């Protein structure tokens, strides 16, 4: 990886929450989110558009995840997280940074919470973002929300296969 640089001096902020109800018991949803082997099948870019370069996941408090790849000819990305709170079958709290084309892009605090409901499991995902590369906060938050939504859809597909 090349040296990471900063771009501009503007800081912008955003936050969003997404709720999804999965037709799966709570323990299966938690396992799909926290088992590195299972997560590697759904927490990725679209297989026809994204190329994986590197993945690590140490799912313990103080551990973290690294996911690096690219949309060939478009941009490279590097995601680095750190787990702060892990409550099995309840919630996971973590932070992560995003680097796009070697430019430090953003830092986020994310919480994934699970609740059993009649229809299965409700997953509530909340993210608070600080953009440090001049990204417009509203536009960047919308793009991030769409990306998380894509991953949560891929999680649904994985749960259907489990």
N, C-alpha and C. Protein backbone atom coordinates (compact mmCIF):
# COMPACT_ATOMS: atom_id res chain seq x y z
N UNK A 1 0.84 -1.18 0.00
CA UNK A 1 0.00 0.00 0.00
C UNK A 1 0.88 1.23 0.00
N UNK A 2 0.55 2.19 -0.80
CA UNK A 2 1.29 3.45 -0.84
C UNK A 2 1.02 4.25 0.41
N UNK A 3 1.79 5.30 0.59
CA UNK A 3 1.58 6.18 1.73
C UNK A 3 0.21 6.84 1.63
N UNK A 4 -0.46 6.96 2.77
CA UNK A 4 -1.78 7.59 2.83
C UNK A 4 -1.60 9.09 2.96
N UNK A 5 -2.38 9.83 2.20
CA UNK A 5 -2.31 11.28 2.24
C UNK A 5 -3.65 11.87 2.62
N UNK A 6 -3.60 13.13 3.04
CA UNK A 6 -4.82 13.88 3.32
C UNK A 6 -5.08 14.80 2.14
N UNK A 7 -6.35 15.05 1.89
CA UNK A 7 -6.74 15.93 0.79
C UNK A 7 -7.65 17.01 1.36
N UNK A 8 -7.26 18.25 1.21
CA UNK A 8 -8.10 19.36 1.65
C UNK A 8 -8.14 19.50 3.16
N UNK A 9 -8.89 20.51 3.60
CA UNK A 9 -9.02 20.80 5.03
C UNK A 9 -10.46 20.78 5.49
N UNK A 10 -11.37 20.46 4.60
CA UNK A 10 -12.79 20.46 4.95
C UNK A 10 -13.15 19.19 5.71
N UNK A 11 -14.03 19.34 6.69
CA UNK A 11 -14.57 18.21 7.44
C UNK A 11 -16.08 18.26 7.32
N UNK A 12 -16.68 17.11 7.07
CA UNK A 12 -18.13 17.02 6.98
C UNK A 12 -18.58 15.81 7.78
N UNK A 13 -19.85 15.81 8.16
CA UNK A 13 -20.36 14.76 9.04
C UNK A 13 -21.65 14.18 8.48
N UNK A 14 -21.95 12.97 8.90
CA UNK A 14 -23.20 12.35 8.51
C UNK A 14 -23.53 11.21 9.46
N UNK A 15 -24.78 10.81 9.43
CA UNK A 15 -25.20 9.64 10.22
C UNK A 15 -26.45 9.06 9.58
N UNK A 16 -26.65 7.78 9.81
CA UNK A 16 -27.84 7.11 9.29
C UNK A 16 -28.08 5.83 10.08
N UNK A 17 -29.30 5.36 10.01
CA UNK A 17 -29.70 4.09 10.61
C UNK A 17 -30.48 3.30 9.57
N UNK A 18 -30.19 2.02 9.47
CA UNK A 18 -30.92 1.12 8.59
C UNK A 18 -31.43 -0.04 9.45
N UNK A 19 -32.70 -0.37 9.28
CA UNK A 19 -33.27 -1.56 9.94
C UNK A 19 -33.66 -2.57 8.88
N UNK A 20 -33.32 -3.82 9.13
CA UNK A 20 -33.73 -4.92 8.27
C UNK A 20 -34.26 -6.04 9.15
N UNK A 21 -35.29 -6.70 8.69
CA UNK A 21 -35.79 -7.89 9.39
C UNK A 21 -35.47 -9.09 8.50
N UNK A 22 -34.74 -10.04 9.08
CA UNK A 22 -34.33 -11.24 8.36
C UNK A 22 -35.16 -12.42 8.84
N UNK A 23 -35.53 -13.27 7.91
CA UNK A 23 -36.28 -14.48 8.22
C UNK A 23 -35.28 -15.56 8.66
N UNK A 24 -34.67 -15.29 9.80
CA UNK A 24 -33.66 -16.20 10.35
C UNK A 24 -33.59 -15.95 11.85
N UNK A 25 -33.27 -17.00 12.60
CA UNK A 25 -33.16 -16.81 14.04
C UNK A 25 -31.95 -15.95 14.36
N UNK A 26 -32.05 -15.28 15.48
CA UNK A 26 -31.06 -14.30 15.92
C UNK A 26 -29.64 -14.87 15.90
N UNK A 27 -29.45 -16.08 16.39
CA UNK A 27 -28.12 -16.67 16.47
C UNK A 27 -27.50 -16.84 15.09
N UNK A 28 -28.31 -17.17 14.08
CA UNK A 28 -27.78 -17.32 12.71
C UNK A 28 -27.34 -15.98 12.15
N UNK A 29 -28.11 -14.93 12.41
CA UNK A 29 -27.74 -13.60 11.92
C UNK A 29 -26.44 -13.16 12.59
N UNK A 30 -26.36 -13.35 13.89
CA UNK A 30 -25.14 -12.98 14.62
C UNK A 30 -23.93 -13.75 14.07
N UNK A 31 -24.09 -15.04 13.86
CA UNK A 31 -23.00 -15.86 13.34
C UNK A 31 -22.57 -15.38 11.96
N UNK A 32 -23.52 -15.06 11.10
CA UNK A 32 -23.19 -14.59 9.76
C UNK A 32 -22.42 -13.28 9.81
N UNK A 33 -22.70 -12.44 10.81
CA UNK A 33 -22.02 -11.16 10.95
C UNK A 33 -20.63 -11.32 11.57
N UNK A 34 -20.46 -12.32 12.44
CA UNK A 34 -19.25 -12.38 13.25
C UNK A 34 -18.28 -13.50 12.90
N UNK A 35 -18.70 -14.50 12.17
CA UNK A 35 -17.80 -15.58 11.77
C UNK A 35 -17.02 -15.11 10.54
N UNK A 36 -15.70 -14.96 10.65
CA UNK A 36 -14.93 -14.41 9.54
C UNK A 36 -15.11 -15.14 8.21
N UNK A 37 -15.22 -16.46 8.26
CA UNK A 37 -15.39 -17.24 7.03
C UNK A 37 -16.73 -16.95 6.35
N UNK A 38 -17.79 -16.87 7.14
CA UNK A 38 -19.11 -16.57 6.58
C UNK A 38 -19.17 -15.12 6.13
N UNK A 39 -18.67 -14.21 6.96
CA UNK A 39 -18.71 -12.78 6.61
C UNK A 39 -17.97 -12.51 5.30
N UNK A 40 -16.90 -13.25 5.06
CA UNK A 40 -16.12 -13.06 3.82
C UNK A 40 -16.94 -13.34 2.57
N UNK A 41 -18.03 -14.08 2.70
CA UNK A 41 -18.88 -14.39 1.54
C UNK A 41 -19.86 -13.27 1.21
N UNK A 42 -20.21 -12.42 2.20
CA UNK A 42 -21.20 -11.38 1.92
C UNK A 42 -20.68 -9.95 2.12
N UNK A 43 -19.63 -9.76 2.92
CA UNK A 43 -19.09 -8.42 3.16
C UNK A 43 -17.97 -8.16 2.16
N UNK A 44 -18.36 -7.99 0.91
CA UNK A 44 -17.45 -7.75 -0.20
C UNK A 44 -18.17 -6.89 -1.23
N UNK A 45 -17.39 -6.37 -2.17
CA UNK A 45 -18.01 -5.66 -3.28
C UNK A 45 -18.67 -6.65 -4.22
N UNK A 46 -19.48 -6.15 -5.15
CA UNK A 46 -20.14 -7.03 -6.12
C UNK A 46 -19.10 -7.86 -6.89
N UNK A 47 -19.30 -9.17 -6.94
CA UNK A 47 -18.29 -10.07 -7.51
C UNK A 47 -17.97 -9.79 -8.97
N UNK A 48 -18.91 -9.21 -9.70
CA UNK A 48 -18.66 -8.92 -11.11
C UNK A 48 -17.99 -7.57 -11.33
N UNK A 49 -17.80 -6.78 -10.25
CA UNK A 49 -17.25 -5.43 -10.40
C UNK A 49 -16.06 -5.15 -9.48
N UNK A 50 -15.88 -5.97 -8.45
CA UNK A 50 -14.90 -5.67 -7.41
C UNK A 50 -13.88 -6.79 -7.30
N UNK A 51 -12.61 -6.44 -7.10
CA UNK A 51 -11.54 -7.42 -6.97
C UNK A 51 -10.92 -7.32 -5.57
N UNK A 52 -10.91 -8.42 -4.85
CA UNK A 52 -10.32 -8.48 -3.51
C UNK A 52 -8.80 -8.53 -3.60
N UNK A 53 -8.13 -7.71 -2.77
CA UNK A 53 -6.67 -7.74 -2.67
C UNK A 53 -6.21 -8.36 -1.36
N UNK A 54 -6.92 -8.04 -0.27
CA UNK A 54 -6.46 -8.50 1.05
C UNK A 54 -7.64 -8.51 2.02
N UNK A 55 -7.68 -9.53 2.88
CA UNK A 55 -8.70 -9.62 3.92
C UNK A 55 -8.10 -10.25 5.16
N UNK A 56 -8.41 -9.64 6.32
CA UNK A 56 -8.07 -10.20 7.64
C UNK A 56 -9.25 -9.91 8.54
N UNK A 57 -9.51 -10.77 9.51
CA UNK A 57 -10.55 -10.50 10.50
C UNK A 57 -10.19 -11.20 11.80
N UNK A 58 -10.02 -10.41 12.84
CA UNK A 58 -9.73 -10.92 14.17
C UNK A 58 -10.88 -10.46 15.06
N UNK A 59 -11.93 -11.27 15.14
CA UNK A 59 -13.16 -10.86 15.82
C UNK A 59 -13.06 -11.05 17.33
N UNK A 60 -12.35 -10.12 17.97
CA UNK A 60 -12.26 -10.03 19.42
C UNK A 60 -12.22 -8.54 19.77
N UNK A 61 -12.60 -8.20 21.00
CA UNK A 61 -12.50 -6.81 21.43
C UNK A 61 -11.03 -6.39 21.31
N UNK A 62 -10.78 -5.28 20.65
CA UNK A 62 -9.43 -4.81 20.39
C UNK A 62 -8.88 -5.30 19.07
N UNK A 63 -9.48 -6.35 18.52
CA UNK A 63 -9.09 -6.85 17.20
C UNK A 63 -9.80 -6.05 16.13
N UNK A 64 -9.68 -6.47 14.92
CA UNK A 64 -10.33 -5.73 13.85
C UNK A 64 -10.31 -6.47 12.53
N UNK A 65 -10.71 -5.75 11.53
CA UNK A 65 -10.83 -6.31 10.19
C UNK A 65 -10.14 -5.38 9.20
N UNK A 66 -9.52 -5.98 8.20
CA UNK A 66 -8.95 -5.23 7.08
C UNK A 66 -9.54 -5.83 5.81
N UNK A 67 -10.02 -4.97 4.95
CA UNK A 67 -10.56 -5.39 3.67
C UNK A 67 -10.08 -4.39 2.62
N UNK A 68 -9.27 -4.88 1.69
CA UNK A 68 -8.73 -4.01 0.64
C UNK A 68 -9.05 -4.62 -0.71
N UNK A 69 -9.43 -3.76 -1.63
CA UNK A 69 -9.75 -4.22 -2.96
C UNK A 69 -9.91 -3.05 -3.91
N UNK A 70 -10.46 -3.34 -5.08
CA UNK A 70 -10.64 -2.27 -6.06
C UNK A 70 -11.78 -2.57 -7.02
N UNK A 71 -12.30 -1.51 -7.53
CA UNK A 71 -13.17 -1.54 -8.69
C UNK A 71 -12.22 -1.20 -9.83
N UNK A 72 -11.73 -2.21 -10.59
CA UNK A 72 -10.66 -1.97 -11.57
C UNK A 72 -10.98 -0.79 -12.50
N UNK A 73 -9.97 0.08 -12.60
CA UNK A 73 -10.09 1.24 -13.46
C UNK A 73 -10.92 2.37 -12.87
N UNK A 74 -11.50 2.15 -11.66
CA UNK A 74 -12.35 3.18 -11.05
C UNK A 74 -11.69 3.70 -9.77
N UNK A 75 -11.56 2.85 -8.75
CA UNK A 75 -10.86 3.26 -7.53
C UNK A 75 -10.50 2.03 -6.69
N UNK A 76 -9.52 2.26 -5.78
CA UNK A 76 -9.11 1.26 -4.79
C UNK A 76 -9.64 1.70 -3.44
N UNK A 77 -9.96 0.73 -2.58
CA UNK A 77 -10.43 1.07 -1.25
C UNK A 77 -9.75 0.18 -0.21
N UNK A 78 -9.63 0.75 0.99
CA UNK A 78 -9.07 0.00 2.11
C UNK A 78 -9.91 0.34 3.35
N UNK A 79 -10.47 -0.70 3.96
CA UNK A 79 -11.32 -0.60 5.14
C UNK A 79 -10.55 -1.22 6.29
N UNK A 80 -10.40 -0.48 7.40
CA UNK A 80 -9.71 -1.01 8.58
C UNK A 80 -10.58 -0.71 9.78
N UNK A 81 -10.98 -1.77 10.50
CA UNK A 81 -11.87 -1.58 11.65
C UNK A 81 -11.20 -2.05 12.94
N UNK A 82 -11.84 -1.64 14.05
CA UNK A 82 -11.43 -2.11 15.38
C UNK A 82 -12.68 -2.33 16.20
N UNK A 83 -12.79 -3.51 16.80
CA UNK A 83 -13.96 -3.87 17.60
C UNK A 83 -13.81 -3.33 19.03
N UNK A 84 -14.82 -2.62 19.49
CA UNK A 84 -14.81 -2.04 20.84
C UNK A 84 -15.69 -2.80 21.82
N UNK A 85 -16.83 -3.28 21.36
CA UNK A 85 -17.78 -3.97 22.23
C UNK A 85 -18.40 -5.12 21.45
N UNK A 86 -18.33 -6.31 22.02
CA UNK A 86 -18.95 -7.49 21.41
C UNK A 86 -19.83 -8.13 22.47
N UNK A 87 -21.14 -8.09 22.25
CA UNK A 87 -22.10 -8.77 23.12
C UNK A 87 -22.78 -9.83 22.26
N UNK A 88 -22.41 -11.09 22.41
CA UNK A 88 -22.95 -12.15 21.55
C UNK A 88 -24.48 -12.11 21.47
N UNK A 89 -24.96 -12.18 20.25
CA UNK A 89 -26.39 -12.19 19.94
C UNK A 89 -27.12 -10.91 20.34
N UNK A 90 -26.38 -9.85 20.64
CA UNK A 90 -26.99 -8.58 21.05
C UNK A 90 -26.50 -7.44 20.16
N UNK A 91 -25.18 -7.12 20.24
CA UNK A 91 -24.65 -6.01 19.45
C UNK A 91 -23.14 -6.07 19.33
N UNK A 92 -22.68 -5.35 18.30
CA UNK A 92 -21.25 -5.18 18.05
C UNK A 92 -21.05 -3.69 17.78
N UNK A 93 -20.09 -3.09 18.49
CA UNK A 93 -19.76 -1.68 18.30
C UNK A 93 -18.31 -1.63 17.82
N UNK A 94 -18.07 -0.91 16.73
CA UNK A 94 -16.73 -0.84 16.17
C UNK A 94 -16.54 0.49 15.45
N UNK A 95 -15.28 0.82 15.21
CA UNK A 95 -14.99 1.98 14.36
C UNK A 95 -14.28 1.47 13.12
N UNK A 96 -14.29 2.30 12.09
CA UNK A 96 -13.51 1.94 10.91
C UNK A 96 -13.12 3.18 10.12
N UNK A 97 -12.01 3.04 9.43
CA UNK A 97 -11.55 4.10 8.53
C UNK A 97 -11.62 3.59 7.10
N UNK A 98 -11.82 4.53 6.20
CA UNK A 98 -11.82 4.23 4.77
C UNK A 98 -10.74 5.06 4.11
N UNK A 99 -9.95 4.40 3.28
CA UNK A 99 -8.95 5.07 2.46
C UNK A 99 -9.31 4.76 1.01
N UNK A 100 -9.43 5.80 0.20
CA UNK A 100 -9.79 5.65 -1.21
C UNK A 100 -8.62 6.16 -2.04
N UNK A 101 -8.08 5.30 -2.90
CA UNK A 101 -6.94 5.67 -3.74
C UNK A 101 -5.84 6.36 -2.93
N UNK A 102 -5.50 5.79 -1.79
CA UNK A 102 -4.43 6.26 -0.90
C UNK A 102 -4.73 7.61 -0.26
N UNK A 103 -5.96 8.08 -0.33
CA UNK A 103 -6.36 9.32 0.34
C UNK A 103 -7.26 8.96 1.50
N UNK A 104 -6.90 9.45 2.70
CA UNK A 104 -7.70 9.20 3.89
C UNK A 104 -9.07 9.83 3.68
N UNK A 105 -10.11 9.03 3.66
CA UNK A 105 -11.45 9.46 3.29
C UNK A 105 -12.35 9.74 4.49
N UNK A 106 -12.46 8.77 5.42
CA UNK A 106 -13.44 8.93 6.50
C UNK A 106 -13.13 8.01 7.66
N UNK A 107 -13.76 8.36 8.79
CA UNK A 107 -13.75 7.53 9.99
C UNK A 107 -15.19 7.41 10.45
N UNK A 108 -15.58 6.21 10.85
CA UNK A 108 -16.96 5.97 11.28
C UNK A 108 -17.00 5.21 12.60
N UNK A 109 -18.07 5.47 13.34
CA UNK A 109 -18.43 4.66 14.50
C UNK A 109 -19.70 3.93 14.10
N UNK A 110 -19.69 2.61 14.19
CA UNK A 110 -20.83 1.81 13.74
C UNK A 110 -21.30 0.88 14.86
N UNK A 111 -22.62 0.69 14.90
CA UNK A 111 -23.23 -0.25 15.85
C UNK A 111 -24.19 -1.14 15.10
N UNK A 112 -24.05 -2.44 15.30
CA UNK A 112 -24.98 -3.43 14.76
C UNK A 112 -25.68 -4.05 15.95
N UNK A 113 -26.99 -3.92 16.00
CA UNK A 113 -27.77 -4.47 17.11
C UNK A 113 -28.80 -5.45 16.59
N UNK A 114 -29.03 -6.52 17.34
CA UNK A 114 -29.99 -7.56 16.96
C UNK A 114 -31.08 -7.67 18.00
N UNK A 115 -32.32 -7.88 17.50
CA UNK A 115 -33.48 -8.11 18.36
C UNK A 115 -34.32 -9.20 17.73
N UNK A 116 -34.76 -10.16 18.54
CA UNK A 116 -35.68 -11.19 18.05
C UNK A 116 -37.06 -10.56 17.88
N UNK A 117 -37.69 -10.83 16.74
CA UNK A 117 -39.05 -10.37 16.46
C UNK A 117 -39.83 -11.56 15.91
N UNK A 118 -41.14 -11.42 15.86
CA UNK A 118 -41.98 -12.53 15.39
C UNK A 118 -41.55 -13.05 14.01
N UNK A 119 -41.14 -12.14 13.14
CA UNK A 119 -40.78 -12.52 11.78
C UNK A 119 -39.35 -13.07 11.66
N UNK A 120 -38.58 -13.04 12.75
CA UNK A 120 -37.21 -13.52 12.71
C UNK A 120 -36.31 -12.67 13.56
N UNK A 121 -35.43 -11.90 12.90
CA UNK A 121 -34.47 -11.05 13.61
C UNK A 121 -34.44 -9.67 12.98
N UNK A 122 -34.56 -8.66 13.83
CA UNK A 122 -34.39 -7.28 13.35
C UNK A 122 -32.95 -6.89 13.61
N UNK A 123 -32.27 -6.45 12.54
CA UNK A 123 -30.92 -5.93 12.63
C UNK A 123 -31.02 -4.41 12.47
N UNK A 124 -30.49 -3.68 13.43
CA UNK A 124 -30.45 -2.21 13.36
C UNK A 124 -29.00 -1.80 13.26
N UNK A 125 -28.67 -1.14 12.17
CA UNK A 125 -27.31 -0.69 11.92
C UNK A 125 -27.29 0.83 11.95
N UNK A 126 -26.44 1.41 12.79
CA UNK A 126 -26.31 2.87 12.89
C UNK A 126 -24.86 3.24 12.67
N UNK A 127 -24.64 4.27 11.87
CA UNK A 127 -23.29 4.72 11.58
C UNK A 127 -23.21 6.24 11.69
N UNK A 128 -22.15 6.71 12.33
CA UNK A 128 -21.83 8.14 12.42
C UNK A 128 -20.49 8.32 11.72
N UNK A 129 -20.43 9.25 10.76
CA UNK A 129 -19.27 9.37 9.87
C UNK A 129 -18.65 10.76 9.96
N UNK A 130 -17.33 10.80 9.93
CA UNK A 130 -16.60 12.04 9.73
C UNK A 130 -15.82 11.91 8.43
N UNK A 131 -16.15 12.75 7.46
CA UNK A 131 -15.44 12.78 6.18
C UNK A 131 -14.33 13.81 6.29
N UNK A 132 -13.10 13.44 5.93
CA UNK A 132 -11.96 14.34 6.09
C UNK A 132 -11.27 14.68 4.76
N UNK A 133 -11.88 14.30 3.66
CA UNK A 133 -11.24 14.52 2.36
C UNK A 133 -11.98 15.52 1.48
N UNK A 134 -12.85 16.33 2.08
CA UNK A 134 -13.61 17.30 1.30
C UNK A 134 -14.91 16.75 0.74
N UNK A 135 -15.24 15.50 1.06
CA UNK A 135 -16.51 14.92 0.60
C UNK A 135 -17.67 15.71 1.18
N UNK A 136 -18.66 15.98 0.35
CA UNK A 136 -19.90 16.61 0.81
C UNK A 136 -20.58 15.64 1.77
N UNK A 137 -20.91 16.10 2.98
CA UNK A 137 -21.49 15.23 3.99
C UNK A 137 -22.78 14.56 3.58
N UNK A 138 -23.66 15.31 2.96
CA UNK A 138 -24.95 14.75 2.54
C UNK A 138 -24.77 13.71 1.44
N UNK A 139 -23.98 14.06 0.43
CA UNK A 139 -23.73 13.13 -0.67
C UNK A 139 -22.97 11.90 -0.19
N UNK A 140 -21.94 12.12 0.62
CA UNK A 140 -21.14 11.00 1.12
C UNK A 140 -21.95 10.06 2.00
N UNK A 141 -22.83 10.64 2.83
CA UNK A 141 -23.67 9.82 3.70
C UNK A 141 -24.64 8.99 2.87
N UNK A 142 -25.20 9.57 1.83
CA UNK A 142 -26.11 8.83 0.95
C UNK A 142 -25.37 7.67 0.27
N UNK A 143 -24.16 7.92 -0.21
CA UNK A 143 -23.38 6.86 -0.84
C UNK A 143 -23.04 5.76 0.15
N UNK A 144 -22.65 6.14 1.37
CA UNK A 144 -22.31 5.15 2.39
C UNK A 144 -23.53 4.32 2.75
N UNK A 145 -24.67 4.99 2.94
CA UNK A 145 -25.92 4.28 3.26
C UNK A 145 -26.25 3.26 2.15
N UNK A 146 -26.07 3.66 0.90
CA UNK A 146 -26.34 2.75 -0.22
C UNK A 146 -25.39 1.56 -0.19
N UNK A 147 -24.12 1.80 0.13
CA UNK A 147 -23.15 0.71 0.22
C UNK A 147 -23.47 -0.26 1.34
N UNK A 148 -23.83 0.28 2.50
CA UNK A 148 -24.23 -0.58 3.62
C UNK A 148 -25.48 -1.36 3.25
N UNK A 149 -26.43 -0.70 2.59
CA UNK A 149 -27.65 -1.39 2.15
C UNK A 149 -27.33 -2.55 1.21
N UNK A 150 -26.36 -2.37 0.33
CA UNK A 150 -25.94 -3.45 -0.56
C UNK A 150 -25.41 -4.62 0.26
N UNK A 151 -24.55 -4.33 1.24
CA UNK A 151 -24.02 -5.40 2.09
C UNK A 151 -25.13 -6.11 2.87
N UNK A 152 -26.08 -5.36 3.40
CA UNK A 152 -27.17 -5.99 4.16
C UNK A 152 -28.05 -6.86 3.25
N UNK A 153 -28.17 -6.49 1.98
CA UNK A 153 -28.85 -7.34 1.02
C UNK A 153 -28.08 -8.62 0.75
N UNK A 154 -26.75 -8.50 0.66
CA UNK A 154 -25.90 -9.68 0.47
C UNK A 154 -25.94 -10.57 1.71
N UNK A 155 -26.09 -9.97 2.89
CA UNK A 155 -26.26 -10.74 4.12
C UNK A 155 -27.55 -11.56 4.03
N UNK A 156 -28.63 -10.96 3.55
CA UNK A 156 -29.90 -11.69 3.39
C UNK A 156 -29.71 -12.89 2.47
N UNK A 157 -28.97 -12.70 1.37
CA UNK A 157 -28.72 -13.80 0.45
C UNK A 157 -27.92 -14.91 1.12
N UNK A 158 -26.93 -14.52 1.93
CA UNK A 158 -26.12 -15.51 2.64
C UNK A 158 -26.96 -16.27 3.65
N UNK A 159 -27.82 -15.58 4.39
CA UNK A 159 -28.68 -16.25 5.37
C UNK A 159 -29.60 -17.26 4.69
N UNK A 160 -30.05 -16.95 3.49
CA UNK A 160 -30.91 -17.88 2.75
C UNK A 160 -30.16 -19.15 2.36
N UNK A 161 -28.83 -19.04 2.19
CA UNK A 161 -28.01 -20.20 1.82
C UNK A 161 -27.59 -21.02 3.03
N UNK A 162 -27.60 -20.41 4.21
CA UNK A 162 -27.10 -21.10 5.42
C UNK A 162 -28.09 -22.13 5.94
